[in-house]
Protein backbone atom coordinates (compact mmCIF):
# COMPACT_ATOMS: atom_id res chain seq x y z
CA UNK A 1 65.75 68.11 46.40
CA UNK A 2 69.29 69.17 47.29
CA UNK A 3 69.53 71.88 49.97
CA UNK A 4 71.26 74.38 47.68
CA UNK A 5 68.43 73.95 45.14
CA UNK A 6 65.83 74.49 47.89
CA UNK A 7 67.70 77.65 48.87
CA UNK A 8 67.82 78.90 45.23
CA UNK A 9 64.12 78.16 44.78
CA UNK A 10 63.21 80.13 47.90
CA UNK A 11 65.34 83.08 46.76
CA UNK A 12 63.69 82.93 43.33
CA UNK A 13 60.29 82.92 44.98
CA UNK A 14 61.11 86.22 46.67
CA UNK A 15 63.07 87.64 43.71
CA UNK A 16 66.37 88.02 45.51
CA UNK A 17 69.86 86.88 44.83
CA UNK A 18 70.95 83.56 46.29
CA UNK A 19 73.74 84.31 48.92
CA UNK A 20 74.88 80.92 50.30
CA UNK A 21 76.15 80.52 53.86
CA UNK A 22 79.45 78.64 53.51
CA UNK A 23 79.61 75.42 55.48
CA UNK A 24 82.85 76.53 57.17
CA UNK A 25 81.33 79.85 58.30
CA UNK A 26 79.58 80.33 61.65
CA UNK A 27 76.15 81.59 62.63
CA UNK A 28 74.74 82.56 65.99
CA UNK A 29 72.26 80.21 67.57
CA UNK A 30 70.58 80.78 70.91
CA UNK A 31 72.14 78.80 73.75
CA UNK A 32 68.70 77.51 74.66
CA UNK A 33 67.68 76.65 71.09
CA UNK A 34 65.14 73.87 70.93
CA UNK A 35 63.80 72.79 67.49
CA UNK A 36 60.57 71.70 69.17
CA UNK A 37 59.90 75.12 70.69
CA UNK A 38 57.99 77.42 68.41
CA UNK A 39 58.30 79.72 66.71
CA UNK A 40 61.73 79.26 65.14
CA UNK A 41 63.15 82.59 64.10
CA UNK A 42 66.08 83.69 61.92
CA UNK A 43 67.52 86.94 60.70
CA UNK A 44 70.55 87.74 58.61
CA UNK A 45 72.92 90.66 59.10
CA UNK A 46 75.73 91.29 56.63
CA UNK A 47 78.51 88.67 56.96
CA UNK A 48 81.61 89.73 58.84
CA UNK A 49 84.89 87.83 59.09
CA UNK A 50 84.08 84.12 59.19
CA UNK A 51 80.41 84.59 60.09
CA UNK A 52 77.59 84.22 57.58
CA UNK A 53 75.39 86.80 59.41
CA UNK A 54 72.59 84.47 60.48
CA UNK A 55 71.12 84.41 63.96
CA UNK A 56 68.62 81.73 64.85
CA UNK A 57 66.55 81.25 67.99
CA UNK A 58 63.43 79.47 69.18
CA UNK A 59 60.57 80.94 71.12
CA UNK A 60 58.91 84.31 71.14
CA UNK A 61 61.64 86.26 72.91
CA UNK A 62 64.85 87.64 71.36
CA UNK A 63 67.08 88.43 74.30
CA UNK A 64 69.44 91.36 74.24
CA UNK A 65 71.87 89.53 76.58
CA UNK A 66 75.43 89.44 75.32
CA UNK A 67 75.58 85.66 75.79
CA UNK A 68 72.18 84.79 74.22
CA UNK A 69 73.82 83.47 71.03
CA UNK A 70 76.66 81.02 70.72
CA UNK A 71 78.63 80.26 67.49
CA UNK A 72 77.74 77.22 65.44
CA UNK A 73 79.41 76.16 62.15
CA UNK A 74 76.90 76.01 59.32
CA UNK A 75 77.84 72.39 58.58
CA UNK A 76 76.45 71.44 62.02
CA UNK A 77 73.06 73.15 61.40
CA UNK A 78 71.38 69.98 59.89
CA UNK A 79 72.02 68.22 63.22
CA UNK A 80 70.37 71.00 65.17
CA UNK A 81 67.40 72.06 62.98
CA UNK A 82 67.14 70.80 59.44
CA UNK A 83 63.95 72.85 58.86
CA UNK A 84 65.85 76.17 58.67
CA UNK A 85 68.39 75.00 55.99
CA UNK A 86 66.20 76.20 53.05
CA UNK A 87 66.30 79.78 54.45
CA UNK A 88 70.03 80.32 54.91
CA UNK A 89 70.61 81.15 51.20
CA UNK A 90 68.56 84.34 51.62
CA UNK A 91 70.71 87.51 51.44
CA UNK A 92 71.38 89.92 54.37
CA UNK A 93 68.33 91.81 55.46
CA UNK A 94 65.99 88.87 55.34
CA UNK A 95 64.14 87.17 58.18
CA UNK A 96 61.99 84.07 58.64
CA UNK A 97 59.61 82.71 61.21
CA UNK A 98 58.49 79.05 61.34
CA UNK A 99 55.64 77.59 63.38
CA UNK A 100 53.25 74.70 62.79
CA UNK A 101 51.27 75.57 59.67
CA UNK A 102 53.04 78.91 59.26
CA UNK A 103 56.08 80.09 57.32
CA UNK A 104 56.73 83.82 57.07
CA UNK A 105 59.69 85.32 55.15
CA UNK A 106 60.27 89.06 54.84
CA UNK A 107 62.84 91.76 54.27
CA UNK A 108 63.86 94.09 57.17
CA UNK A 109 66.07 96.97 56.01
CA UNK A 110 67.19 97.63 59.62
CA UNK A 111 69.19 94.43 59.63
CA UNK A 112 71.60 95.95 57.11
CA UNK A 113 72.55 98.75 59.55
CA UNK A 114 74.58 96.94 62.13
């Protein structure tokens, strides 16, 4: 199934509008991201400028350090972690967590107040 169709299907599952992350936009990914380190986490703030609003990291800790995230163009995401592609069509305010045998997706209103 094409990635955009997977994203639309996931949005439909949760009853939310599909809001794609343009391939030319950037997201924040942790400098130490490792697709083999679980869990893999993602959250989406409202897009600003050329960013799509997504922040993705691996492991249990979300650091508050200013340099924890680095920019990554969305079109490079398949090379880094193909497993998260189906989630990046969720609208701002949504989060996900992936781990072996586990997939959580939920809305977090606080993400809209940046």
